[in-house]
Protein backbone atom coordinates (compact mmCIF):
# COMPACT_ATOMS: atom_id res chain seq x y z
CA MET A 1 0.00 0.00 0.00
CA SER A 2 1.27 3.53 -0.78
CA SER A 3 3.43 5.14 1.89
CA ASP A 4 1.73 8.43 1.01
CA LEU A 5 -1.39 7.29 2.84
CA GLY A 6 -2.14 8.55 6.32
CA ALA A 7 -3.03 6.19 9.16
CA LEU A 8 -5.85 6.44 11.67
CA MET A 9 -6.14 3.96 14.54
CA SER A 10 -9.14 4.30 16.82
CA ALA A 11 -10.65 2.09 19.50
CA THR A 12 -13.89 1.63 21.35
CA PHE A 13 -15.60 -1.06 23.44
CA HIS A 14 -18.66 -3.16 22.72
CA GLU A 15 -20.93 -5.15 25.03
CA ALA A 16 -23.67 -7.55 23.99
CA GLY A 17 -27.22 -6.24 24.03
CA HIS A 18 -26.41 -2.77 22.72
CA ALA A 19 -27.26 -1.10 19.43
CA HIS A 20 -23.89 0.26 18.30
CA LEU A 21 -23.26 2.13 15.06
CA VAL A 22 -19.98 3.74 14.04
CA GLU A 23 -19.76 6.46 11.41
CA LEU A 24 -16.56 5.51 9.60
CA VAL A 25 -16.27 8.75 7.63
CA HIS A 26 -17.38 11.87 9.44
CA GLN A 27 -16.06 14.53 7.07
CA LYS A 28 -18.29 15.26 4.11
CA ASP A 29 -18.62 18.11 1.65
CA ARG A 30 -20.88 19.01 -1.25
CA ALA A 31 -18.18 18.72 -3.89
CA ALA A 32 -17.08 15.14 -3.34
CA ARG A 33 -17.95 11.95 -1.55
CA ARG A 34 -14.89 11.14 0.52
CA GLN A 35 -14.01 7.61 1.47
CA LEU A 36 -11.18 5.88 3.26
CA ALA A 37 -8.54 3.95 1.34
CA SER A 38 -8.99 0.91 3.59
CA VAL A 39 -10.50 -0.08 6.93
CA ARG A 40 -9.81 -3.16 9.02
CA LEU A 41 -11.59 -4.10 12.24
CA PHE A 42 -10.14 -6.16 15.08
CA ALA A 43 -11.89 -7.28 18.28
CA TYR A 44 -10.23 -8.64 21.43
CA ASP A 45 -11.59 -10.15 24.65
CA GLN A 46 -10.52 -8.97 28.11
CA ASP A 47 -7.38 -11.13 28.05
CA GLY A 48 -6.28 -9.76 24.67
CA CYS A 49 -7.25 -12.84 22.64
CA PRO A 50 -8.39 -11.98 19.09
CA ARG A 51 -12.07 -12.68 18.45
CA LEU A 52 -12.52 -11.02 15.05
CA ASP A 53 -10.32 -9.76 12.23
CA GLN A 54 -12.27 -8.41 9.30
CA THR A 55 -11.55 -6.17 6.33
CA LEU A 56 -14.37 -3.68 5.79
CA ASP A 57 -15.63 -1.97 2.66
CA PRO A 58 -13.85 1.44 2.69
CA GLY A 59 -16.82 2.96 0.91
CA GLN A 60 -19.15 2.03 3.76
CA GLU A 61 -20.11 5.08 5.80
CA ILE A 62 -22.01 3.48 8.69
CA LEU A 63 -20.89 0.24 10.34
CA ASP A 64 -23.28 -1.83 12.45
CA VAL A 65 -20.86 -2.93 15.17
CA ALA A 66 -23.54 -4.90 17.03
CA ALA A 67 -24.33 -6.99 13.95
CA LEU A 68 -20.66 -8.00 13.74
CA LEU A 69 -19.82 -8.40 17.40
CA ASP A 70 -22.88 -9.24 19.49
CA GLU A 71 -22.35 -12.99 19.14
CA PRO A 72 -18.66 -12.95 20.17
CA ALA A 73 -19.51 -10.43 22.92
CA ARG A 74 -22.13 -12.81 24.33
CA ARG A 75 -19.53 -15.60 24.40
CA HIS A 76 -16.51 -13.63 25.56
CA GLY A 77 -17.81 -10.54 27.35
CA ARG A 78 -16.88 -6.94 26.66
CA LEU A 79 -14.69 -6.53 23.56
CA LEU A 80 -12.01 -4.02 22.66
CA VAL A 81 -12.81 -2.90 19.09
CA VAL A 82 -9.95 -1.46 17.04
CA PHE A 83 -10.32 0.34 13.69
CA ASP A 84 -7.18 0.47 11.54
CA ALA A 85 -7.93 2.89 8.71
CA ARG A 86 -5.83 4.34 5.90
CA TYR A 87 -6.73 7.54 4.08
CA ASP A 88 -5.35 9.82 1.37
CA PRO A 89 -4.45 13.25 2.86
CA ARG A 90 -5.25 14.83 -0.51
CA ILE A 91 -8.85 13.68 -0.09
CA PHE A 92 -9.01 14.47 3.62
CA PRO A 93 -7.35 17.86 4.26
CA TYR A 94 -8.06 17.21 7.94
CA ARG A 95 -7.65 13.85 9.65
CA PRO A 96 -10.92 11.92 9.35
CA HIS A 97 -12.88 11.02 12.45
CA HIS A 98 -15.06 8.12 13.59
CA TYR A 99 -18.18 8.79 15.64
CA GLY A 100 -20.32 6.24 17.45
CA TYR A 101 -23.97 5.81 18.40
CA LEU A 102 -24.52 3.60 21.45
CA HIS A 103 -27.83 2.51 22.92
CA ARG A 104 -28.98 -0.49 24.91
CA GLN A 105 -31.50 -2.41 22.87
CA ASP A 106 -35.15 -1.85 23.84
CA SER A 107 -34.14 1.05 26.10
CA ALA A 108 -36.33 4.11 26.54
CA VAL A 109 -33.47 6.52 27.34
CA PRO A 110 -31.79 8.64 24.63
CA PRO A 111 -28.80 7.10 22.80
CA LEU A 112 -25.24 8.22 23.47
CA TYR A 113 -23.36 9.85 20.59
CA TYR A 114 -19.59 9.89 21.12
CA ALA A 115 -16.26 10.44 19.38
CA VAL A 116 -14.36 7.18 18.91
CA ASN A 117 -11.08 7.35 20.84
CA ALA A 118 -8.08 7.93 18.53
CA THR A 119 -4.97 6.14 19.81
CA LEU A 120 -1.29 5.89 19.00
CA GLY A 121 -1.41 2.19 18.36
CA GLY A 122 0.89 1.21 21.20
CA VAL A 123 3.82 3.41 20.15
CA PRO A 124 5.45 5.60 22.83
CA ASP A 125 5.50 9.33 22.14
CA ARG A 126 9.26 9.33 22.68
CA ILE A 127 11.26 6.25 21.74
CA GLY A 128 13.13 4.95 24.77
CA ALA A 129 10.78 6.61 27.25
CA VAL A 130 10.23 4.62 30.45
CA ALA A 131 8.17 7.08 32.51
CA LEU A 132 4.40 7.36 32.38
CA ASN A 133 4.57 10.41 30.12
CA ASN A 134 1.11 10.47 28.53
CA PHE A 135 -1.63 12.15 30.57
CA GLU A 136 -5.35 12.14 29.85
CA THR A 137 -8.07 13.62 32.00
CA TYR A 138 -11.82 13.87 32.41
CA LEU A 139 -13.78 16.44 34.45
CA PHE A 140 -17.13 15.56 36.00
CA LEU A 141 -20.11 17.89 36.10
CA ASP A 142 -20.77 19.70 39.34
CA ARG A 143 -23.78 17.63 40.34
CA PRO A 144 -24.37 14.50 42.43
CA MET A 145 -23.29 11.28 40.73
CA THR A 146 -25.72 8.39 40.58
CA GLY A 147 -25.13 4.83 39.47
CA HIS A 148 -21.77 3.19 38.85
CA HIS A 149 -18.80 4.83 37.15
CA ALA A 150 -15.54 3.36 35.86
CA VAL A 151 -12.66 3.96 33.48
CA ALA A 152 -12.45 1.38 30.69
CA VAL A 153 -8.85 1.12 29.54
CA GLY A 154 -7.22 -1.05 26.86
CA ASN A 155 -3.60 -1.67 25.87
CA LEU A 156 -3.10 -1.50 22.09
CA SER A 157 0.55 -2.56 22.21
CA ARG A 158 1.41 -5.41 19.85
CA PHE A 159 3.97 -7.18 21.98
CA ALA A 160 4.57 -5.60 25.39
CA PRO A 161 2.45 -5.38 28.55
CA ALA A 162 1.75 -1.86 29.78
CA ASP A 163 1.17 -0.21 33.14
CA ALA A 164 -1.40 2.52 33.60
CA GLU A 165 -2.30 4.64 36.61
CA VAL A 166 -5.91 5.69 37.12
CA VAL A 167 -5.85 8.71 39.42
CA SER A 168 -9.14 9.99 40.84
CA TYR A 169 -9.45 13.31 42.68
CA TYR A 170 -11.84 14.03 45.55
CA GLU A 171 -11.71 17.75 46.40
CA GLY A 172 -7.95 17.66 45.75
CA VAL A 173 -7.29 14.35 47.53
CA ARG A 174 -5.71 11.81 45.13
CA HIS A 175 -6.52 8.10 44.94
CA VAL A 176 -4.26 6.02 42.67
CA GLU A 177 -4.93 2.58 41.23
CA THR A 178 -2.37 0.87 38.99
CA VAL A 179 -3.30 -1.72 36.39
CA ARG A 180 -1.02 -3.88 34.24
CA LEU A 181 -2.42 -5.02 30.91
CA ALA A 182 -1.13 -7.58 28.44
CA PRO A 183 -1.13 -6.60 24.74
CA LYS A 184 -4.72 -5.97 23.57
CA ALA A 185 -6.07 -6.74 27.07
CA HIS A 186 -8.54 -4.39 28.71
CA THR A 187 -10.34 -3.83 31.99
CA GLU A 188 -12.59 -1.44 33.88
CA VAL A 189 -11.35 0.41 36.97
CA LYS A 190 -14.22 1.30 39.29
CA LEU A 191 -14.58 4.92 40.38
CA GLU A 192 -16.10 5.61 43.79
CA PRO A 193 -18.51 8.58 43.67
CA GLU A 194 -17.33 9.71 47.11
CA ARG A 195 -14.40 9.15 49.47
CA ASP A 196 -14.37 10.43 53.06
CA GLY A 197 -17.34 12.66 52.30
CA HIS A 198 -15.72 14.27 49.24
CA ARG A 199 -17.19 13.98 45.76
CA LEU A 200 -15.32 12.75 42.70
CA ARG A 201 -14.23 15.77 40.66
CA ARG A 202 -11.94 14.43 37.96
CA VAL A 203 -10.02 11.35 36.85
CA GLU A 204 -6.67 11.04 35.08
CA LEU A 205 -5.04 8.23 33.16
CA LYS A 206 -1.24 8.09 33.05
CA ALA A 207 0.54 5.64 30.75
CA LEU A 208 3.63 5.24 28.59
CA PHE A 209 1.62 5.84 25.43
CA ARG A 210 -1.92 6.76 24.58
CA MET A 211 -4.29 3.89 25.35
CA ALA A 212 -7.93 3.22 24.58
CA SER A 213 -9.77 4.94 27.44
CA TYR A 214 -13.36 5.84 28.20
CA VAL A 215 -15.27 7.03 31.25
CA VAL A 216 -18.31 4.78 31.59
CA GLY A 217 -21.37 5.55 33.70
CA ARG A 218 -24.22 3.14 34.36
CA ARG A 219 -27.44 3.22 36.29
CA ALA A 220 -28.05 0.50 38.89
CA GLY A 221 -29.77 -1.66 36.26
CA GLY A 222 -26.84 -1.40 33.84
CA GLU A 223 -28.27 1.36 31.63
CA LEU A 224 -25.47 3.44 30.09
CA VAL A 225 -25.71 7.14 30.93
CA LEU A 226 -22.12 8.13 30.08
CA PHE A 227 -19.61 6.88 27.51
CA ASP A 228 -16.95 9.43 26.68
CA HIS A 229 -13.21 9.28 26.06
CA LEU A 230 -10.62 11.08 28.15
CA PHE A 231 -8.72 14.04 26.71
CA THR A 232 -4.98 14.50 26.37
CA TYR A 233 -3.88 17.80 27.87
CA PHE A 234 -0.12 17.33 28.29
CA LYS A 235 2.57 15.17 26.71
């Protein structure tokens, strides 16, 4: 494939029982119908074992993730879903984006519309770096939290395990939890809504390179009320 093509690697998570659509090409204009040069989808279980590897039609604009992955998700649990796309920068003057639509089937609540988390594909920002030099953060609204909240994090490295620190802040007081993930493995780190009478204000993820990361909020019955990726603010 031409070396002139740009690369876009993005990742999300899928659980059985959810309607889940991903808009593969977000940028559109009146003059031309833009499409990716190629798209390939991979899915991995929580231990990093591959459960799907499929080449997609690059002209397809909307992908039904649930149609592809509900069966393996029912057998293997939550899946890390990775999109490996190639695009021509002459066609896309700006880097293309993926957007997702997520909704539990037969639910009466509004669907969640989110930006699919762009990642670095398991490559450190600085070759030879050994410190946790990539920082991502998420701020919570100033209102009482209900339900269960967590950070879903996945390691997109091809060969090496990775450590990540999930740091939650309660009125300035830090709580740190460290996780170690094998290549393509993923987990959820639970976030307590309060500690010692102080509310959760923000959460940070620190890692060697940018990982797949989302803040997930659920009602007591499992209904999703929040699914949003963290934001890089310093490298």
